[in-house]
N, C-alpha and C. Protein backbone atom coordinates (compact mmCIF):
# COMPACT_ATOMS: atom_id res chain seq x y z
N MET A 1 88.97 147.74 138.69
CA MET A 1 90.11 148.32 137.99
C MET A 1 90.75 149.38 138.88
N THR A 2 92.07 149.48 138.85
CA THR A 2 92.76 150.35 139.78
C THR A 2 93.47 151.53 139.11
N ASP A 3 93.62 151.51 137.81
CA ASP A 3 94.38 152.57 137.15
C ASP A 3 93.73 152.93 135.82
N THR A 4 92.74 153.83 135.85
CA THR A 4 92.08 154.28 134.64
C THR A 4 92.01 155.79 134.66
N PHE A 5 91.68 156.38 133.49
CA PHE A 5 91.68 157.84 133.39
C PHE A 5 90.48 158.48 134.08
N ILE A 6 89.52 157.67 134.58
CA ILE A 6 88.39 158.26 135.31
C ILE A 6 88.42 157.86 136.79
N ASN A 7 89.59 157.55 137.29
CA ASN A 7 89.71 157.16 138.70
C ASN A 7 89.15 158.20 139.65
N ASN A 8 89.29 159.47 139.30
CA ASN A 8 88.85 160.54 140.20
C ASN A 8 87.47 161.07 139.84
N LEU A 9 86.76 160.38 138.96
CA LEU A 9 85.45 160.84 138.53
C LEU A 9 84.40 160.55 139.60
N SER A 10 83.60 161.57 139.92
CA SER A 10 82.54 161.44 140.92
C SER A 10 81.19 161.43 140.21
N VAL A 11 80.41 160.36 140.43
CA VAL A 11 79.13 160.18 139.74
C VAL A 11 78.01 160.05 140.78
N VAL A 12 76.91 160.76 140.56
CA VAL A 12 75.72 160.63 141.39
C VAL A 12 74.61 160.05 140.52
N GLU A 13 74.00 158.98 140.99
CA GLU A 13 73.00 158.24 140.21
C GLU A 13 71.62 158.37 140.86
N LEU A 14 70.71 159.07 140.16
CA LEU A 14 69.37 159.27 140.70
C LEU A 14 68.30 158.48 139.96
N GLY A 15 68.61 157.96 138.79
CA GLY A 15 67.59 157.34 137.96
C GLY A 15 67.10 156.01 138.48
N ASP A 16 65.85 155.68 138.12
CA ASP A 16 65.26 154.41 138.52
C ASP A 16 65.28 153.37 137.41
N ARG A 17 65.71 153.74 136.23
CA ARG A 17 65.75 152.78 135.14
C ARG A 17 66.93 151.81 135.27
N ILE A 18 66.78 150.63 134.68
CA ILE A 18 67.89 149.68 134.64
C ILE A 18 69.07 150.31 133.90
N SER A 19 68.79 151.05 132.83
CA SER A 19 69.86 151.66 132.04
C SER A 19 70.67 152.64 132.87
N THR A 20 70.02 153.37 133.76
CA THR A 20 70.74 154.32 134.62
C THR A 20 71.66 153.56 135.57
N GLY A 21 71.13 152.51 136.19
CA GLY A 21 71.94 151.72 137.11
C GLY A 21 73.08 151.02 136.41
N LEU A 22 72.83 150.52 135.19
CA LEU A 22 73.88 149.82 134.46
C LEU A 22 74.94 150.78 133.97
N CYS A 23 74.53 151.98 133.55
CA CYS A 23 75.52 152.99 133.15
C CYS A 23 76.43 153.33 134.33
N GLY A 24 75.82 153.52 135.51
CA GLY A 24 76.62 153.78 136.71
C GLY A 24 77.55 152.62 137.03
N ALA A 25 77.06 151.39 136.82
CA ALA A 25 77.89 150.20 137.08
C ALA A 25 79.08 150.14 136.13
N LEU A 26 78.85 150.48 134.85
CA LEU A 26 79.94 150.48 133.88
C LEU A 26 81.00 151.52 134.24
N LEU A 27 80.54 152.71 134.64
CA LEU A 27 81.49 153.75 135.04
C LEU A 27 82.25 153.34 136.30
N GLN A 28 81.56 152.68 137.23
CA GLN A 28 82.21 152.22 138.45
C GLN A 28 83.30 151.20 138.14
N ARG A 29 83.02 150.31 137.20
CA ARG A 29 84.02 149.30 136.83
C ARG A 29 85.22 149.91 136.12
N LEU A 30 85.01 151.10 135.54
CA LEU A 30 86.12 151.80 134.90
C LEU A 30 86.89 152.66 135.88
N GLY A 31 86.46 152.69 137.14
CA GLY A 31 87.21 153.40 138.17
C GLY A 31 86.51 154.57 138.82
N ALA A 32 85.30 154.92 138.38
CA ALA A 32 84.60 156.07 138.94
C ALA A 32 84.07 155.77 140.34
N ASP A 33 83.88 156.84 141.11
CA ASP A 33 83.27 156.74 142.44
C ASP A 33 81.79 157.08 142.27
N VAL A 34 80.92 156.07 142.40
CA VAL A 34 79.49 156.23 142.11
C VAL A 34 78.68 156.18 143.40
N VAL A 35 77.80 157.17 143.57
CA VAL A 35 76.91 157.24 144.71
C VAL A 35 75.47 157.09 144.22
N MET A 36 74.77 156.08 144.71
CA MET A 36 73.36 155.87 144.37
C MET A 36 72.48 156.65 145.35
N VAL A 37 71.47 157.31 144.82
CA VAL A 37 70.50 158.01 145.67
C VAL A 37 69.30 157.10 145.86
N GLU A 38 69.05 156.70 147.10
CA GLU A 38 67.93 155.80 147.42
C GLU A 38 66.77 156.63 147.96
N PRO A 39 65.56 156.46 147.40
CA PRO A 39 64.41 157.19 147.94
C PRO A 39 63.93 156.62 149.27
N GLY A 40 64.49 155.52 149.70
CA GLY A 40 64.14 154.88 150.98
C GLY A 40 65.06 153.71 151.21
N LEU A 41 64.98 153.11 152.37
CA LEU A 41 65.81 151.94 152.64
C LEU A 41 65.45 150.82 151.68
N PRO A 42 66.46 150.13 151.09
CA PRO A 42 66.17 149.08 150.12
C PRO A 42 65.41 147.91 150.73
N ASP A 43 64.51 147.34 149.95
CA ASP A 43 63.73 146.17 150.36
C ASP A 43 64.52 144.92 150.00
N LEU A 44 64.96 144.18 151.00
CA LEU A 44 65.81 143.01 150.78
C LEU A 44 65.01 141.71 150.66
N ALA A 45 63.68 141.80 150.65
CA ALA A 45 62.85 140.60 150.54
C ALA A 45 63.05 139.96 149.17
N PRO A 46 62.97 138.61 149.08
CA PRO A 46 63.18 137.92 147.81
C PRO A 46 62.28 138.44 146.70
N GLU A 47 61.03 138.76 147.01
CA GLU A 47 60.10 139.20 145.98
C GLU A 47 60.43 140.60 145.46
N SER A 48 61.33 141.32 146.11
CA SER A 48 61.70 142.65 145.66
C SER A 48 62.73 142.61 144.54
N LYS A 49 63.21 141.41 144.21
CA LYS A 49 64.24 141.22 143.18
C LYS A 49 65.53 141.94 143.55
N TRP A 50 65.82 142.05 144.83
CA TRP A 50 67.04 142.71 145.28
C TRP A 50 68.28 142.01 144.71
N HIS A 51 68.21 140.68 144.54
CA HIS A 51 69.37 139.94 144.03
C HIS A 51 69.78 140.45 142.65
N TYR A 52 68.79 140.89 141.85
CA TYR A 52 69.11 141.45 140.54
C TYR A 52 69.65 142.86 140.67
N ARG A 53 68.99 143.65 141.50
CA ARG A 53 69.42 145.03 141.68
C ARG A 53 70.80 145.12 142.32
N ALA A 54 71.11 144.14 143.16
CA ALA A 54 72.41 144.14 143.83
C ALA A 54 73.54 144.05 142.81
N LEU A 55 73.28 143.41 141.68
CA LEU A 55 74.29 143.31 140.63
C LEU A 55 74.65 144.69 140.11
N LEU A 56 73.65 145.57 139.98
CA LEU A 56 73.90 146.93 139.51
C LEU A 56 74.46 147.82 140.62
N ALA A 57 74.19 147.45 141.87
CA ALA A 57 74.63 148.28 143.00
C ALA A 57 76.04 147.94 143.47
N ALA A 58 76.57 146.83 143.03
CA ALA A 58 77.88 146.37 143.52
C ALA A 58 78.96 147.43 143.29
N GLY A 59 79.73 147.70 144.34
CA GLY A 59 80.85 148.63 144.25
C GLY A 59 80.48 150.08 144.39
N LYS A 60 79.19 150.39 144.53
CA LYS A 60 78.75 151.78 144.66
C LYS A 60 78.50 152.14 146.12
N GLN A 61 78.49 153.42 146.40
CA GLN A 61 78.03 153.92 147.69
C GLN A 61 76.56 154.33 147.53
N SER A 62 75.90 154.58 148.63
CA SER A 62 74.50 155.00 148.54
C SER A 62 74.15 155.95 149.67
N ILE A 63 73.17 156.81 149.38
CA ILE A 63 72.60 157.69 150.41
C ILE A 63 71.09 157.62 150.28
N VAL A 64 70.40 157.70 151.40
CA VAL A 64 68.94 157.69 151.42
C VAL A 64 68.45 159.13 151.49
N VAL A 65 67.58 159.49 150.57
CA VAL A 65 67.07 160.86 150.50
C VAL A 65 65.55 160.84 150.49
N ASP A 66 64.96 161.53 151.44
CA ASP A 66 63.52 161.75 151.44
C ASP A 66 63.28 163.09 150.75
N PHE A 67 62.74 163.04 149.52
CA PHE A 67 62.60 164.27 148.73
C PHE A 67 61.58 165.24 149.31
N GLU A 68 60.85 164.80 150.33
CA GLU A 68 59.89 165.70 150.98
C GLU A 68 60.54 166.47 152.13
N ARG A 69 61.74 166.11 152.50
CA ARG A 69 62.43 166.76 153.62
C ARG A 69 63.48 167.73 153.09
N GLU A 70 63.38 168.97 153.51
CA GLU A 70 64.28 170.02 153.02
C GLU A 70 65.73 169.72 153.35
N ASN A 71 65.99 169.18 154.55
CA ASN A 71 67.36 168.87 154.94
C ASN A 71 67.98 167.81 154.04
N ASP A 72 67.18 166.79 153.68
CA ASP A 72 67.69 165.75 152.79
C ASP A 72 67.98 166.31 151.40
N VAL A 73 67.10 167.17 150.91
CA VAL A 73 67.32 167.77 149.60
C VAL A 73 68.57 168.63 149.61
N ASP A 74 68.77 169.40 150.68
CA ASP A 74 69.97 170.24 150.78
C ASP A 74 71.23 169.38 150.81
N ARG A 75 71.14 168.24 151.50
CA ARG A 75 72.30 167.34 151.55
C ARG A 75 72.62 166.79 150.16
N LEU A 76 71.58 166.45 149.38
CA LEU A 76 71.79 165.94 148.03
C LEU A 76 72.33 167.04 147.11
N VAL A 77 71.84 168.26 147.27
CA VAL A 77 72.35 169.38 146.49
C VAL A 77 73.84 169.57 146.75
N ALA A 78 74.25 169.42 148.00
CA ALA A 78 75.67 169.55 148.34
C ALA A 78 76.49 168.45 147.68
N VAL A 79 75.95 167.23 147.64
CA VAL A 79 76.65 166.11 146.99
C VAL A 79 76.79 166.37 145.50
N LEU A 80 75.69 166.86 144.88
CA LEU A 80 75.74 167.17 143.45
C LEU A 80 76.73 168.29 143.15
N GLY A 81 76.89 169.19 144.10
CA GLY A 81 77.83 170.29 143.89
C GLY A 81 79.26 169.82 143.78
N GLN A 82 79.56 168.62 144.29
CA GLN A 82 80.91 168.05 144.22
C GLN A 82 81.04 167.00 143.13
N ALA A 83 79.95 166.72 142.42
CA ALA A 83 79.95 165.63 141.44
C ALA A 83 80.39 166.11 140.06
N ASP A 84 80.98 165.20 139.30
CA ASP A 84 81.35 165.48 137.92
C ASP A 84 80.23 165.07 136.96
N VAL A 85 79.51 164.00 137.32
CA VAL A 85 78.47 163.45 136.45
C VAL A 85 77.23 163.16 137.28
N ALA A 86 76.06 163.49 136.74
CA ALA A 86 74.79 163.11 137.36
C ALA A 86 74.02 162.24 136.37
N LEU A 87 73.58 161.08 136.83
CA LEU A 87 72.77 160.17 136.02
C LEU A 87 71.33 160.25 136.49
N ILE A 88 70.40 160.42 135.55
CA ILE A 88 69.00 160.52 135.93
C ILE A 88 68.12 159.97 134.81
N SER A 89 66.98 159.43 135.18
CA SER A 89 65.95 159.07 134.20
C SER A 89 64.76 159.96 134.51
N SER A 90 64.70 161.10 133.85
CA SER A 90 63.73 162.13 134.23
C SER A 90 62.29 161.70 133.99
N ASP A 91 62.05 160.73 133.08
CA ASP A 91 60.67 160.30 132.87
C ASP A 91 60.16 159.43 134.02
N TRP A 92 61.07 158.85 134.80
CA TRP A 92 60.68 158.06 135.96
C TRP A 92 60.94 158.79 137.27
N ALA A 93 61.51 159.98 137.21
CA ALA A 93 61.90 160.70 138.42
C ALA A 93 60.68 161.18 139.20
N ALA A 94 60.87 161.26 140.51
CA ALA A 94 59.82 161.85 141.36
C ALA A 94 59.78 163.35 141.09
N ASP A 95 58.76 164.00 141.64
CA ASP A 95 58.68 165.45 141.49
C ASP A 95 59.85 166.08 142.24
N LEU A 96 60.76 166.64 141.49
CA LEU A 96 61.96 167.22 142.08
C LEU A 96 61.76 168.72 142.30
N SER A 97 62.30 169.21 143.39
CA SER A 97 62.20 170.63 143.70
C SER A 97 63.02 171.45 142.71
N GLU A 98 62.69 172.72 142.60
CA GLU A 98 63.43 173.61 141.71
C GLU A 98 64.89 173.70 142.13
N LYS A 99 65.13 173.64 143.43
CA LYS A 99 66.51 173.69 143.94
C LYS A 99 67.31 172.49 143.43
N LEU A 100 66.68 171.31 143.45
CA LEU A 100 67.36 170.10 143.01
C LEU A 100 67.54 170.09 141.49
N ARG A 101 66.54 170.56 140.77
CA ARG A 101 66.66 170.63 139.31
C ARG A 101 67.77 171.58 138.90
N ALA A 102 67.91 172.68 139.61
CA ALA A 102 68.98 173.63 139.31
C ALA A 102 70.34 173.00 139.58
N ALA A 103 70.44 172.23 140.66
CA ALA A 103 71.70 171.57 140.99
C ALA A 103 72.07 170.56 139.90
N LEU A 104 71.08 169.86 139.38
CA LEU A 104 71.34 168.90 138.31
C LEU A 104 71.84 169.60 137.05
N LYS A 105 71.21 170.72 136.69
CA LYS A 105 71.61 171.45 135.50
C LYS A 105 73.01 172.04 135.63
N ASN A 106 73.43 172.30 136.87
CA ASN A 106 74.76 172.88 137.10
C ASN A 106 75.86 171.83 137.20
N THR A 107 75.48 170.54 137.16
CA THR A 107 76.49 169.49 137.18
C THR A 107 77.27 169.53 135.87
N ALA A 108 78.57 169.27 135.94
CA ALA A 108 79.42 169.37 134.75
C ALA A 108 78.88 168.54 133.59
N ILE A 109 78.46 167.29 133.88
CA ILE A 109 77.88 166.43 132.85
C ILE A 109 76.59 165.82 133.39
N LEU A 110 75.48 166.13 132.76
CA LEU A 110 74.18 165.57 133.13
C LEU A 110 73.78 164.57 132.07
N CYS A 111 73.56 163.32 132.46
CA CYS A 111 73.15 162.28 131.53
C CYS A 111 71.72 161.85 131.86
N ASP A 112 70.83 162.02 130.91
CA ASP A 112 69.41 161.72 131.11
C ASP A 112 69.00 160.58 130.17
N LEU A 113 68.58 159.46 130.76
CA LEU A 113 68.12 158.31 129.98
C LEU A 113 66.60 158.21 130.09
N THR A 114 65.91 158.39 128.98
CA THR A 114 64.45 158.38 128.97
C THR A 114 63.94 157.52 127.83
N ALA A 115 62.65 157.29 127.82
CA ALA A 115 62.06 156.46 126.77
C ALA A 115 62.14 157.13 125.41
N PHE A 116 61.78 158.44 125.34
CA PHE A 116 61.68 159.12 124.05
C PHE A 116 62.46 160.43 123.96
N GLY A 117 63.35 160.67 124.90
CA GLY A 117 64.12 161.90 124.85
C GLY A 117 63.40 163.06 125.51
N GLY A 118 64.01 164.22 125.43
CA GLY A 118 63.48 165.38 126.14
C GLY A 118 62.56 166.26 125.33
N SER A 119 62.32 165.95 124.05
CA SER A 119 61.43 166.77 123.24
C SER A 119 60.60 165.86 122.34
N GLY A 120 59.57 166.42 121.74
CA GLY A 120 58.71 165.63 120.87
C GLY A 120 57.40 165.26 121.56
N PRO A 121 56.44 164.73 120.80
CA PRO A 121 55.10 164.46 121.34
C PRO A 121 55.07 163.39 122.43
N LEU A 122 56.05 162.50 122.46
CA LEU A 122 56.06 161.43 123.46
C LEU A 122 57.07 161.68 124.59
N ALA A 123 57.67 162.84 124.62
CA ALA A 123 58.63 163.16 125.68
C ALA A 123 57.96 163.05 127.05
N GLY A 124 58.62 162.38 127.98
CA GLY A 124 58.10 162.24 129.33
C GLY A 124 57.23 161.02 129.54
N GLN A 125 56.88 160.31 128.46
CA GLN A 125 56.06 159.11 128.59
C GLN A 125 56.86 158.01 129.30
N ARG A 126 56.22 157.33 130.25
CA ARG A 126 56.91 156.33 131.06
C ARG A 126 56.78 154.93 130.44
N TYR A 127 57.43 154.74 129.32
CA TYR A 127 57.39 153.44 128.66
C TYR A 127 58.44 152.51 129.27
N THR A 128 58.07 151.24 129.43
CA THR A 128 59.00 150.24 129.94
C THR A 128 59.77 149.62 128.79
N ASP A 129 60.75 148.78 129.12
CA ASP A 129 61.55 148.11 128.09
C ASP A 129 60.65 147.27 127.19
N SER A 130 59.72 146.53 127.76
CA SER A 130 58.83 145.68 126.96
C SER A 130 58.00 146.51 125.99
N MET A 131 57.49 147.63 126.46
CA MET A 131 56.69 148.50 125.60
C MET A 131 57.54 149.08 124.47
N LEU A 132 58.78 149.40 124.75
CA LEU A 132 59.67 149.96 123.74
C LEU A 132 60.07 148.90 122.71
N GLN A 133 60.25 147.65 123.15
CA GLN A 133 60.52 146.58 122.20
C GLN A 133 59.36 146.44 121.22
N ALA A 134 58.14 146.64 121.71
CA ALA A 134 56.96 146.49 120.86
C ALA A 134 56.80 147.67 119.90
N CYS A 135 56.82 148.89 120.42
CA CYS A 135 56.51 150.04 119.57
C CYS A 135 57.64 150.39 118.61
N SER A 136 58.86 149.96 118.88
CA SER A 136 59.97 150.23 117.97
C SER A 136 60.05 149.23 116.82
N GLY A 137 59.33 148.10 116.96
CA GLY A 137 59.42 147.06 115.95
C GLY A 137 60.44 145.99 116.27
N LEU A 138 61.20 146.20 117.33
CA LEU A 138 62.23 145.23 117.70
C LEU A 138 61.63 143.86 118.00
N MET A 139 60.48 143.84 118.65
CA MET A 139 59.84 142.58 119.00
C MET A 139 59.42 141.79 117.76
N ASP A 140 59.14 142.50 116.68
CA ASP A 140 58.69 141.84 115.45
C ASP A 140 59.83 141.17 114.70
N THR A 141 61.06 141.33 115.17
CA THR A 141 62.20 140.66 114.53
C THR A 141 62.52 139.34 115.21
N THR A 142 61.84 139.03 116.30
CA THR A 142 62.17 137.86 117.10
C THR A 142 61.03 136.85 117.08
N GLY A 143 61.37 135.59 116.85
CA GLY A 143 60.37 134.54 116.82
C GLY A 143 60.29 133.89 115.44
N SER A 144 59.48 132.84 115.33
CA SER A 144 59.34 132.14 114.06
C SER A 144 58.41 132.92 113.14
N SER A 145 58.52 132.65 111.83
CA SER A 145 57.69 133.35 110.86
C SER A 145 56.22 132.99 111.00
N GLU A 146 55.94 131.80 111.56
CA GLU A 146 54.56 131.38 111.73
C GLU A 146 53.94 131.90 113.03
N GLY A 147 54.76 132.31 113.96
CA GLY A 147 54.27 132.73 115.27
C GLY A 147 54.15 134.23 115.41
N PRO A 148 53.73 134.68 116.59
CA PRO A 148 53.57 136.11 116.84
C PRO A 148 54.91 136.76 117.17
N PRO A 149 54.98 138.08 117.18
CA PRO A 149 56.19 138.77 117.67
C PRO A 149 56.52 138.30 119.08
N THR A 150 57.81 138.22 119.38
CA THR A 150 58.25 137.63 120.64
C THR A 150 59.10 138.61 121.43
N LEU A 151 58.77 138.76 122.69
CA LEU A 151 59.53 139.64 123.57
C LEU A 151 60.88 139.03 123.90
N THR A 152 61.93 139.83 123.81
CA THR A 152 63.25 139.41 124.27
C THR A 152 63.29 139.56 125.78
N GLN A 153 63.50 138.46 126.49
CA GLN A 153 63.42 138.51 127.94
C GLN A 153 64.53 139.36 128.57
N VAL A 154 65.65 139.50 127.88
CA VAL A 154 66.68 140.42 128.34
C VAL A 154 66.20 141.85 128.09
N PRO A 155 66.29 142.76 129.05
CA PRO A 155 65.86 144.15 128.83
C PRO A 155 66.82 144.87 127.90
N ILE A 156 66.74 144.52 126.64
CA ILE A 156 67.79 144.88 125.69
C ILE A 156 67.86 146.38 125.41
N THR A 157 66.72 147.07 125.40
CA THR A 157 66.78 148.51 125.16
C THR A 157 67.45 149.23 126.33
N GLU A 158 67.20 148.76 127.54
CA GLU A 158 67.84 149.34 128.72
C GLU A 158 69.35 149.09 128.70
N CYS A 159 69.74 147.86 128.38
CA CYS A 159 71.16 147.50 128.40
C CYS A 159 71.95 148.26 127.34
N CYS A 160 71.40 148.33 126.12
CA CYS A 160 72.11 149.02 125.05
C CYS A 160 72.14 150.53 125.29
N ALA A 161 71.07 151.08 125.85
CA ALA A 161 71.06 152.51 126.16
C ALA A 161 72.14 152.85 127.18
N ALA A 162 72.37 151.95 128.13
CA ALA A 162 73.42 152.18 129.14
C ALA A 162 74.79 152.26 128.49
N VAL A 163 75.03 151.42 127.49
CA VAL A 163 76.32 151.45 126.78
C VAL A 163 76.45 152.75 126.00
N PHE A 164 75.37 153.16 125.32
CA PHE A 164 75.40 154.43 124.58
C PHE A 164 75.64 155.61 125.53
N ALA A 165 74.99 155.56 126.69
CA ALA A 165 75.15 156.64 127.66
C ALA A 165 76.58 156.71 128.18
N THR A 166 77.16 155.55 128.45
CA THR A 166 78.56 155.50 128.91
C THR A 166 79.49 156.09 127.87
N ALA A 167 79.27 155.74 126.60
CA ALA A 167 80.09 156.29 125.52
C ALA A 167 79.91 157.80 125.43
N GLY A 168 78.67 158.28 125.59
CA GLY A 168 78.42 159.71 125.54
C GLY A 168 79.11 160.45 126.67
N ILE A 169 79.08 159.87 127.87
CA ILE A 169 79.74 160.49 129.02
C ILE A 169 81.25 160.55 128.82
N LEU A 170 81.82 159.47 128.33
CA LEU A 170 83.27 159.46 128.09
C LEU A 170 83.64 160.48 127.01
N SER A 171 82.78 160.65 126.00
CA SER A 171 83.02 161.67 124.98
C SER A 171 82.94 163.07 125.58
N ALA A 172 81.96 163.27 126.47
CA ALA A 172 81.82 164.57 127.13
C ALA A 172 83.04 164.88 127.99
N LEU A 173 83.58 163.87 128.63
CA LEU A 173 84.78 164.08 129.44
C LEU A 173 85.95 164.53 128.57
N ARG A 174 85.99 164.02 127.36
CA ARG A 174 87.07 164.38 126.43
C ARG A 174 87.05 165.88 126.11
N SER A 175 85.85 166.46 126.01
CA SER A 175 85.73 167.87 125.65
C SER A 175 85.37 168.75 126.84
N ARG A 176 85.59 168.23 128.03
CA ARG A 176 85.18 168.93 129.25
C ARG A 176 85.85 170.29 129.41
N SER A 177 87.09 170.42 128.94
CA SER A 177 87.82 171.68 129.13
C SER A 177 87.21 172.82 128.32
N ARG A 178 86.36 172.52 127.32
CA ARG A 178 85.79 173.55 126.46
C ARG A 178 84.38 173.96 126.85
N PHE A 179 83.76 173.21 127.80
CA PHE A 179 82.38 173.50 128.16
C PHE A 179 82.23 173.50 129.69
N THR A 180 81.42 174.43 130.20
CA THR A 180 81.15 174.47 131.64
C THR A 180 80.24 173.33 132.03
N THR A 181 79.15 173.16 131.28
CA THR A 181 78.22 172.05 131.53
C THR A 181 77.88 171.39 130.20
N GLN A 182 77.59 170.09 130.26
CA GLN A 182 77.19 169.35 129.07
C GLN A 182 76.05 168.41 129.43
N THR A 183 75.19 168.14 128.45
CA THR A 183 74.09 167.22 128.66
C THR A 183 74.19 166.06 127.66
N VAL A 184 74.12 164.86 128.19
CA VAL A 184 74.10 163.65 127.36
C VAL A 184 72.68 163.09 127.45
N GLU A 185 72.00 163.05 126.33
CA GLU A 185 70.60 162.60 126.30
C GLU A 185 70.50 161.32 125.49
N VAL A 186 69.99 160.27 126.11
CA VAL A 186 69.84 158.98 125.43
C VAL A 186 68.37 158.56 125.50
N ALA A 187 67.77 158.34 124.33
CA ALA A 187 66.39 157.87 124.26
C ALA A 187 66.40 156.36 123.99
N LEU A 188 65.71 155.60 124.82
CA LEU A 188 65.70 154.15 124.65
C LEU A 188 65.01 153.75 123.35
N PHE A 189 64.02 154.52 122.90
CA PHE A 189 63.38 154.22 121.62
C PHE A 189 64.39 154.32 120.48
N ASP A 190 65.20 155.37 120.48
CA ASP A 190 66.23 155.53 119.46
C ASP A 190 67.22 154.36 119.51
N THR A 191 67.54 153.94 120.72
CA THR A 191 68.44 152.81 120.89
C THR A 191 67.86 151.55 120.25
N ALA A 192 66.57 151.32 120.48
CA ALA A 192 65.90 150.14 119.92
C ALA A 192 65.92 150.18 118.39
N VAL A 193 65.61 151.35 117.81
CA VAL A 193 65.60 151.48 116.36
C VAL A 193 66.99 151.25 115.78
N SER A 194 68.02 151.73 116.48
CA SER A 194 69.38 151.56 115.97
C SER A 194 69.79 150.10 115.92
N MET A 195 69.14 149.25 116.71
CA MET A 195 69.47 147.83 116.71
C MET A 195 68.77 147.07 115.59
N LEU A 196 67.99 147.76 114.77
CA LEU A 196 67.31 147.13 113.64
C LEU A 196 68.13 147.23 112.36
N SER A 197 69.44 147.35 112.51
CA SER A 197 70.31 147.62 111.36
C SER A 197 70.25 146.56 110.28
N THR A 198 69.93 145.31 110.63
CA THR A 198 69.85 144.26 109.61
C THR A 198 68.46 144.14 109.02
N PHE A 199 67.49 144.90 109.55
CA PHE A 199 66.11 144.84 109.05
C PHE A 199 65.71 146.10 108.29
N LEU A 200 66.11 147.26 108.81
CA LEU A 200 65.67 148.51 108.20
C LEU A 200 66.11 148.70 106.75
N PRO A 201 67.33 148.31 106.36
CA PRO A 201 67.74 148.52 104.96
C PRO A 201 66.79 147.91 103.95
N ALA A 202 66.13 146.81 104.29
CA ALA A 202 65.19 146.18 103.36
C ALA A 202 64.04 147.11 103.02
N HIS A 203 63.63 147.93 103.97
CA HIS A 203 62.53 148.86 103.71
C HIS A 203 62.91 149.90 102.66
N PHE A 204 64.20 150.23 102.59
CA PHE A 204 64.64 151.25 101.65
C PHE A 204 64.60 150.77 100.20
N VAL A 205 64.49 149.47 100.00
CA VAL A 205 64.40 148.93 98.64
C VAL A 205 63.03 148.30 98.40
N GLY A 206 62.06 148.66 99.24
CA GLY A 206 60.69 148.22 99.03
C GLY A 206 60.35 146.84 99.54
N GLU A 207 61.21 146.25 100.35
CA GLU A 207 60.94 144.93 100.90
C GLU A 207 60.37 145.04 102.31
N CYS A 208 59.75 143.98 102.76
CA CYS A 208 59.20 143.93 104.12
C CYS A 208 59.80 142.72 104.83
N PRO A 209 60.86 142.90 105.61
CA PRO A 209 61.50 141.76 106.28
C PRO A 209 60.58 141.11 107.28
N THR A 210 60.68 139.80 107.42
CA THR A 210 59.84 139.06 108.35
C THR A 210 60.70 138.26 109.32
N ARG A 211 60.06 137.76 110.35
CA ARG A 211 60.75 136.92 111.34
C ARG A 211 61.19 135.61 110.69
N ILE A 212 62.39 135.16 111.02
CA ILE A 212 62.92 133.93 110.43
C ILE A 212 63.48 132.99 111.49
N GLY A 213 62.94 133.08 112.71
CA GLY A 213 63.40 132.17 113.76
C GLY A 213 64.84 132.44 114.16
N ASN A 214 65.63 131.38 114.25
CA ASN A 214 67.02 131.56 114.70
C ASN A 214 68.00 131.63 113.54
N ARG A 215 67.50 131.81 112.32
CA ARG A 215 68.39 131.98 111.17
C ARG A 215 68.92 133.40 111.12
N HIS A 216 70.04 133.57 110.43
CA HIS A 216 70.58 134.91 110.20
C HIS A 216 69.86 135.52 109.02
N THR A 217 69.73 136.84 109.02
CA THR A 217 68.99 137.50 107.95
C THR A 217 69.72 137.44 106.61
N ALA A 218 71.04 137.27 106.63
CA ALA A 218 71.79 137.31 105.37
C ALA A 218 72.69 136.12 105.15
N MET A 219 73.05 135.42 106.21
CA MET A 219 74.03 134.35 106.08
C MET A 219 73.49 133.04 106.63
N SER A 220 74.02 131.94 106.10
CA SER A 220 73.70 130.62 106.64
C SER A 220 74.74 130.28 107.70
N PRO A 221 74.55 129.21 108.47
CA PRO A 221 75.58 128.82 109.43
C PRO A 221 76.90 128.54 108.74
N TRP A 222 77.98 128.75 109.45
CA TRP A 222 79.30 128.50 108.90
C TRP A 222 79.50 127.00 108.68
N ASN A 223 80.08 126.67 107.54
CA ASN A 223 80.40 125.28 107.22
C ASN A 223 81.91 125.12 107.19
N ALA A 224 82.35 124.03 107.74
CA ALA A 224 83.80 123.79 107.77
C ALA A 224 84.12 122.47 107.09
N TYR A 225 85.19 122.45 106.39
CA TYR A 225 85.63 121.19 105.83
C TYR A 225 87.14 121.09 105.97
N ARG A 226 87.62 119.86 105.94
CA ARG A 226 89.03 119.60 106.14
C ARG A 226 89.78 119.78 104.83
N ALA A 227 90.63 120.75 104.73
CA ALA A 227 91.45 120.96 103.54
C ALA A 227 92.86 120.44 103.79
N GLN A 228 93.60 120.36 102.74
CA GLN A 228 94.93 119.78 102.87
C GLN A 228 95.82 120.61 103.80
N ASP A 229 95.61 121.92 103.79
CA ASP A 229 96.45 122.78 104.62
C ASP A 229 95.75 123.19 105.92
N GLY A 230 94.69 122.49 106.31
CA GLY A 230 94.01 122.77 107.57
C GLY A 230 92.54 123.03 107.36
N TRP A 231 91.87 123.57 108.45
CA TRP A 231 90.43 123.84 108.38
C TRP A 231 90.18 125.13 107.63
N VAL A 232 89.25 125.08 106.72
CA VAL A 232 88.85 126.25 105.96
C VAL A 232 87.38 126.53 106.23
N LEU A 233 87.06 127.76 106.52
CA LEU A 233 85.67 128.14 106.81
C LEU A 233 85.04 128.78 105.59
N LEU A 234 83.85 128.32 105.25
CA LEU A 234 83.12 128.88 104.11
C LEU A 234 81.78 129.42 104.61
N CYS A 235 81.32 130.49 104.02
CA CYS A 235 80.02 131.03 104.36
C CYS A 235 79.27 131.30 103.07
N SER A 236 78.06 130.78 102.93
CA SER A 236 77.26 130.99 101.74
C SER A 236 76.00 131.74 102.07
N ALA A 237 75.38 132.34 101.06
CA ALA A 237 74.13 133.07 101.28
C ALA A 237 73.06 132.11 101.73
N SER A 238 72.16 132.60 102.59
CA SER A 238 71.15 131.73 103.18
C SER A 238 70.15 131.23 102.15
N ASN A 239 69.98 131.94 101.03
CA ASN A 239 69.01 131.50 100.03
C ASN A 239 69.71 130.90 98.82
């Protein structure tokens, strides 16, 4: 895209999660200038799944930073000093120096994507997408009623969290003139629970929803019939 309201937005991406990379990719497609921070030279071997990661890296710039080297850290601090947005997944982040943490906090908009957020008993736990699908109950909504809970092969909590993070960043940009710094915090567990919108309401009326395969929880497939004035679509309750 060549003409958007975030054309001049500068984003630095430090996170290792898919959601962090996808959020940066969404911002890049909207016109932002995104710089990826690489902890080392990328591994281009087939087994490294670079072909998948390249999809998230497309259109971005990158810098290699050795967090053990003071000069590299100073160079990254200087880059952050010019950035509008910093993306990080602090639960997967390496041990960052106090200098680097201060630079992140001073960024106009800091977006942190983690498994359980920045507070609470599970804060900082390094849960993967598969683990979050299981512990949130999302996995129990997929599969046949006779079979076990089924993992969604798409990293759905990561993907949806990236969309929520992008929306949060765009909202923060809207109110940027009123705040020196802002923090956008997205918990992947919360994202997973929010996707249970067709299952959770049943609990409020004392029901226990179960897996129903590829059927819809409330509707049957659409039926069409030929009417005199054209095609008419009807939808009936599944039961």
